[in-house]
Amino acid sequence: MDHAQSKGSGGRTRFDDTYNQPDPRAYFHALGPWEYQTPHHAQGIFRRMLTACEPTHRAADPATVLDICCSYGINAALLNHELTWNDLYAHYTSPQATALTTAELIEWDRAYYAAHRRPDPARVIGLDVAPHAVSYAHAVGLLDEAFAENLEAAPATPALLRAARPTRLITITGGASFLSPRTFQPLLNCAHGPVWVAAFVLRTGSYRPIAECLESYGLSTEKAADTFPQRRFTSEQEQQYAVDAVTSAGEDPLGKETQGYFHTTLYLSRPATDAAKVPLAALVQSP
């Protein structure tokens, strides 16, 4: 599959035509050659975070993960299944997958994910502006509930707020640059208990407005010491844009963006009492 790329307003290549297809094949075909890898970095970290934050949650509520900008449910696939990012890439770019219709792929994927389901899956709900993507993720069983809503532009629906009440962990691996406090406020207002928010954010932008919003809900934001490569640059122009943006943000691009990759920073916002019990470094580093 050949999918066009376009330059975003900030100089970043956009892959917009891959984010709302009926299934994920275009997404993997387009991003794979550029070594997109953020969900890979997030997989173990999100699992450890969920384990760490569950004990303090209300026993009456099942601990729920809310994945914002969930797209095709990739984070849910990696959180709840014995699969890796490379497994998913091989699966969706395989000759077998290419030959199927979307309806056939959904049936194949239902069996695929059921066969690799972990014995202790978390309840995951997904939120994304792309209706086809979230419909696919729900249809194959990756998301328990899925919502195609844009909280930046419209109020959250009652159904989303009901589903989000038991949220314990909010995750974001892409799209943070399109979000503002408008997305987080209704979700945190409806939550039954304290929520952790974990976001992988491109170093080309600022997370400060969101962190300040979360602070108003009693969540203290920490920044991981190390950064995480996101994907290779598509051109010298895109690299120069990233180096300039990172420098303007007060960060050092040397050895990161200068080496040919976008990098993300991991931010974790949570109650200070939780932060005192489990250091962020212990959640980032595999035991």
Protein backbone atom coordinates (compact mmCIF):
# COMPACT_ATOMS: atom_id res chain seq x y z
CA MET A 1 0.00 0.00 0.00
CA ASP A 2 1.26 3.45 -0.87
CA HIS A 3 -0.05 6.21 1.38
CA ALA A 4 0.78 9.83 0.80
CA GLN A 5 2.55 11.88 3.43
CA SER A 6 2.03 15.60 3.88
CA LYS A 7 3.84 18.30 5.76
CA GLY A 8 2.11 19.53 8.89
CA SER A 9 1.89 23.20 9.72
CA GLY A 10 4.88 22.92 12.04
CA GLY A 11 7.13 21.16 9.53
CA ARG A 12 6.40 17.63 10.71
CA THR A 13 5.34 15.00 8.19
CA ARG A 14 1.74 14.00 8.73
CA PHE A 15 0.33 10.53 8.12
CA ASP A 16 -3.29 11.65 8.47
CA ASP A 17 -4.69 9.34 5.81
CA THR A 18 -3.64 6.28 7.83
CA TYR A 19 -5.35 7.17 11.10
CA ASN A 20 -8.99 6.62 10.15
CA GLN A 21 -8.98 3.66 7.80
CA PRO A 22 -11.37 0.72 8.36
CA ASP A 23 -8.44 -1.34 9.72
CA PRO A 24 -4.77 -0.83 10.75
CA ARG A 25 -3.01 -2.14 7.67
CA ALA A 26 -2.32 1.29 6.14
CA TYR A 27 -1.05 2.54 9.51
CA PHE A 28 1.57 -0.19 9.78
CA HIS A 29 2.57 0.01 6.12
CA ALA A 30 3.08 3.79 6.38
CA LEU A 31 4.82 4.05 9.76
CA GLY A 32 6.80 0.82 9.77
CA PRO A 33 9.48 1.96 7.28
CA TRP A 34 10.20 4.97 9.52
CA GLU A 35 10.70 2.69 12.56
CA TYR A 36 7.83 4.13 14.57
CA GLN A 37 8.18 2.56 18.02
CA THR A 38 6.50 4.51 20.85
CA PRO A 39 3.97 1.76 21.73
CA HIS A 40 6.92 -0.63 22.10
CA HIS A 41 8.54 1.63 24.70
CA ALA A 42 5.23 2.10 26.49
CA GLN A 43 4.23 -1.56 26.76
CA GLY A 44 6.21 -2.62 29.84
CA ILE A 45 5.97 0.81 31.45
CA PHE A 46 2.18 0.90 31.26
CA ARG A 47 1.93 -2.63 32.65
CA ARG A 48 4.11 -1.70 35.63
CA MET A 49 2.18 1.52 36.19
CA LEU A 50 -1.15 -0.29 36.20
CA THR A 51 0.16 -2.79 38.76
CA ALA A 52 1.54 0.02 40.92
CA CYS A 53 -1.60 2.15 40.93
CA GLU A 54 -4.22 -0.60 41.27
CA PRO A 55 -3.89 -1.30 45.02
CA THR A 56 -5.03 2.21 45.98
CA HIS A 57 -8.11 2.09 43.78
CA ARG A 58 -11.65 1.64 45.08
CA ALA A 59 -12.32 -2.07 45.37
CA ALA A 60 -15.87 -1.57 44.03
CA ASP A 61 -14.58 -0.34 40.68
CA PRO A 62 -12.62 -2.45 38.20
CA ALA A 63 -9.37 -0.67 37.48
CA THR A 64 -9.78 0.89 34.05
CA VAL A 65 -7.23 2.19 31.55
CA LEU A 66 -8.38 5.07 29.38
CA ASP A 67 -6.24 5.34 26.25
CA ILE A 68 -6.52 8.81 24.69
CA CYS A 69 -5.80 9.04 20.95
CA CYS A 70 -6.14 5.28 21.00
CA SER A 71 -6.31 4.87 17.22
CA TYR A 72 -6.66 1.16 16.37
CA GLY A 73 -6.20 -0.03 19.96
CA ILE A 74 -2.47 -0.71 19.66
CA ASN A 75 -1.72 0.11 23.30
CA ALA A 76 -4.56 -2.15 24.43
CA ALA A 77 -3.21 -4.92 22.22
CA LEU A 78 0.22 -4.66 23.83
CA LEU A 79 -1.09 -4.20 27.36
CA ASN A 80 -3.42 -7.20 27.41
CA HIS A 81 -1.78 -9.70 25.07
CA GLU A 82 1.45 -11.68 24.89
CA LEU A 83 2.48 -9.81 21.76
CA THR A 84 5.17 -7.30 20.87
CA TRP A 85 5.14 -4.29 18.58
CA ASN A 86 7.16 -6.31 16.06
CA ASP A 87 4.57 -9.07 16.21
CA LEU A 88 1.82 -6.61 15.29
CA TYR A 89 3.88 -5.11 12.48
CA ALA A 90 4.56 -8.56 11.02
CA HIS A 91 0.91 -9.52 11.43
CA TYR A 92 -0.57 -6.52 9.61
CA THR A 93 1.99 -6.36 6.80
CA SER A 94 1.92 -10.11 6.10
CA PRO A 95 0.70 -11.49 2.75
CA GLN A 96 -2.16 -13.17 4.62
CA ALA A 97 -3.42 -9.89 6.05
CA THR A 98 -3.00 -8.07 2.73
CA ALA A 99 -5.24 -10.56 0.96
CA LEU A 100 -8.20 -10.15 3.32
CA THR A 101 -11.16 -7.83 3.21
CA THR A 102 -11.70 -5.70 6.32
CA ALA A 103 -14.54 -7.96 7.43
CA GLU A 104 -12.31 -11.01 7.03
CA LEU A 105 -9.46 -9.27 8.85
CA ILE A 106 -11.74 -8.50 11.80
CA GLU A 107 -12.66 -12.17 12.13
CA TRP A 108 -9.01 -13.20 11.81
CA ASP A 109 -7.99 -10.63 14.42
CA ARG A 110 -10.64 -11.73 16.89
CA ALA A 111 -9.12 -15.19 16.88
CA TYR A 112 -5.57 -13.82 16.85
CA TYR A 113 -6.04 -11.66 19.95
CA ALA A 114 -8.09 -14.26 21.76
CA ALA A 115 -5.26 -16.76 21.30
CA HIS A 116 -2.72 -14.35 22.82
CA ARG A 117 -4.85 -12.88 25.61
CA ARG A 118 -3.09 -12.49 28.97
CA PRO A 119 -4.80 -14.16 31.95
CA ASP A 120 -5.16 -10.83 33.78
CA PRO A 121 -6.38 -8.33 31.16
CA ALA A 122 -7.19 -4.80 32.20
CA ARG A 123 -10.43 -3.09 31.23
CA VAL A 124 -9.48 -0.63 28.48
CA ILE A 125 -11.63 2.09 27.01
CA GLY A 126 -10.47 4.09 24.02
CA LEU A 127 -11.01 7.69 22.99
CA ASP A 128 -10.10 9.02 19.56
CA VAL A 129 -11.51 11.41 16.96
CA ALA A 130 -11.25 8.67 14.28
CA PRO A 131 -14.52 6.67 14.20
CA HIS A 132 -13.30 3.92 11.86
CA ALA A 133 -10.21 3.25 13.98
CA VAL A 134 -12.05 2.97 17.29
CA SER A 135 -14.79 0.87 15.68
CA TYR A 136 -12.18 -1.60 14.48
CA ALA A 137 -10.50 -1.77 17.90
CA HIS A 138 -13.84 -2.46 19.56
CA ALA A 139 -14.91 -4.99 16.92
CA VAL A 140 -11.83 -7.18 17.41
CA GLY A 141 -12.08 -7.06 21.21
CA LEU A 142 -9.15 -4.79 22.00
CA LEU A 143 -11.31 -2.11 23.63
CA ASP A 144 -14.08 -2.84 26.11
CA GLU A 145 -15.70 0.44 25.13
CA ALA A 146 -14.75 2.87 22.36
CA PHE A 147 -15.65 6.51 21.83
CA ALA A 148 -15.12 8.61 18.70
CA GLU A 149 -15.24 12.03 20.31
CA ASN A 150 -13.22 15.23 20.16
CA LEU A 151 -13.26 16.82 23.61
CA GLU A 152 -11.25 19.75 22.27
CA ALA A 153 -14.28 20.74 20.18
CA ALA A 154 -17.35 19.42 22.00
CA PRO A 155 -18.47 18.31 25.48
CA ALA A 156 -17.99 14.69 26.44
CA THR A 157 -21.07 12.53 25.97
CA PRO A 158 -22.79 11.05 29.04
CA ALA A 159 -21.82 7.57 27.80
CA LEU A 160 -18.12 8.44 27.78
CA LEU A 161 -18.30 10.00 31.24
CA ARG A 162 -20.05 6.91 32.62
CA ALA A 163 -17.44 4.60 31.11
CA ALA A 164 -14.57 6.75 32.37
CA ARG A 165 -15.65 6.90 36.02
CA PRO A 166 -13.52 3.96 37.21
CA THR A 167 -10.46 5.15 35.28
CA ARG A 168 -7.25 4.59 37.21
CA LEU A 169 -4.66 5.12 34.48
CA ILE A 170 -4.87 7.46 31.48
CA THR A 171 -2.36 6.66 28.74
CA ILE A 172 -1.20 8.64 25.70
CA THR A 173 1.47 7.57 23.22
CA GLY A 174 0.65 9.97 20.40
CA GLY A 175 -1.39 13.07 19.79
CA ALA A 176 -0.50 14.98 22.96
CA SER A 177 0.41 18.01 20.85
CA PHE A 178 -3.25 18.22 19.78
CA LEU A 179 -4.58 18.11 23.35
CA SER A 180 -5.25 20.79 25.94
CA PRO A 181 -6.86 20.89 29.40
CA ARG A 182 -10.25 20.76 27.62
CA THR A 183 -9.77 17.05 27.03
CA PHE A 184 -8.66 16.21 30.56
CA GLN A 185 -11.01 18.29 32.69
CA PRO A 186 -14.27 16.37 32.06
CA LEU A 187 -12.52 13.02 32.42
CA LEU A 188 -10.92 13.94 35.75
CA ASN A 189 -14.10 15.60 37.00
CA CYS A 190 -16.03 12.37 36.58
CA ALA A 191 -13.38 9.97 37.95
CA HIS A 192 -14.33 8.13 41.14
CA GLY A 193 -10.81 8.09 42.55
CA PRO A 194 -7.32 9.47 41.98
CA VAL A 195 -6.03 8.97 38.45
CA TRP A 196 -2.53 8.53 37.06
CA VAL A 197 -1.80 10.16 33.69
CA ALA A 198 1.11 8.79 31.65
CA ALA A 199 1.99 10.55 28.40
CA PHE A 200 4.77 10.10 25.85
CA VAL A 201 5.16 13.61 24.42
CA LEU A 202 7.28 14.73 21.47
CA ARG A 203 10.09 17.02 22.61
CA THR A 204 9.14 19.50 19.89
CA GLY A 205 6.20 20.77 21.96
CA SER A 206 5.34 21.76 25.53
CA TYR A 207 3.41 19.65 28.03
CA ARG A 208 3.24 22.51 30.54
CA PRO A 209 -0.41 23.57 29.99
CA ILE A 210 -1.59 19.99 30.54
CA ALA A 211 0.69 19.48 33.55
CA GLU A 212 -0.65 22.67 35.12
CA CYS A 213 -4.20 21.46 34.57
CA LEU A 214 -3.40 18.11 36.19
CA GLU A 215 -1.77 19.91 39.12
CA SER A 216 -5.12 21.58 39.83
CA TYR A 217 -6.54 18.07 40.35
CA GLY A 218 -3.84 17.18 42.88
CA LEU A 219 -1.63 15.34 40.40
CA SER A 220 2.08 16.10 40.54
CA THR A 221 3.93 15.69 37.23
CA GLU A 222 7.31 14.00 36.97
CA LYS A 223 9.52 13.74 33.90
CA ALA A 224 11.49 10.59 33.11
CA ALA A 225 15.24 11.06 32.96
CA ASP A 226 15.71 9.32 29.63
CA THR A 227 13.96 10.03 26.34
CA PHE A 228 12.54 7.51 23.89
CA PRO A 229 13.03 7.45 20.11
CA GLN A 230 9.72 7.82 18.29
CA ARG A 231 10.52 7.41 14.57
CA ARG A 232 13.10 8.32 11.98
CA PHE A 233 12.82 11.64 10.17
CA THR A 234 11.38 11.53 6.68
CA SER A 235 13.66 14.28 5.38
CA GLU A 236 16.46 16.67 6.28
CA GLN A 237 13.87 19.44 6.45
CA GLU A 238 11.86 17.54 9.06
CA GLN A 239 15.00 16.92 11.08
CA GLN A 240 15.92 20.61 11.00
CA TYR A 241 12.40 21.50 12.13
CA ALA A 242 12.74 19.10 15.08
CA VAL A 243 16.21 20.29 16.09
CA ASP A 244 15.04 23.91 16.00
CA ALA A 245 11.84 23.18 17.93
CA VAL A 246 13.60 21.17 20.63
CA THR A 247 16.23 23.87 21.03
CA SER A 248 13.51 26.53 21.29
CA ALA A 249 11.85 24.45 24.00
CA GLY A 250 15.05 24.65 26.05
CA GLU A 251 16.13 21.05 25.48
CA ASP A 252 19.32 19.70 23.94
CA PRO A 253 18.90 17.85 20.63
CA LEU A 254 22.49 16.55 20.62
CA GLY A 255 22.63 12.78 20.38
CA LYS A 256 18.87 12.54 19.99
CA GLU A 257 17.22 14.54 17.22
CA THR A 258 20.65 15.19 15.69
CA GLN A 259 20.98 11.42 15.29
CA GLY A 260 17.97 11.20 13.01
CA TYR A 261 14.99 10.41 15.24
CA PHE A 262 12.16 12.25 16.87
CA HIS A 263 12.31 11.65 20.63
CA THR A 264 9.55 11.66 23.23
CA THR A 265 9.61 12.49 26.91
CA LEU A 266 7.57 10.43 29.35
CA TYR A 267 5.54 12.46 31.84
CA LEU A 268 3.72 10.83 34.75
CA SER A 269 1.19 12.78 36.79
CA ARG A 270 -0.14 11.22 40.01
CA PRO A 271 -0.87 12.02 43.66
CA ALA A 272 2.27 12.90 45.61
CA THR A 273 1.56 10.07 48.08
CA ASP A 274 1.72 7.55 45.22
CA ALA A 275 4.91 9.11 43.88
CA ALA A 276 6.52 8.71 47.29
CA LYS A 277 5.76 4.97 47.32
CA VAL A 278 7.03 4.03 43.86
CA PRO A 279 9.73 6.14 42.14
CA LEU A 280 9.19 6.90 38.47
CA ALA A 281 12.61 5.40 37.66
CA ALA A 282 11.43 2.02 38.98
CA LEU A 283 8.43 2.12 36.64
CA VAL A 284 10.50 3.08 33.61
CA GLN A 285 13.27 0.56 34.08
CA SER A 286 12.46 -3.08 33.60
CA PRO A 287 13.17 -5.15 36.73
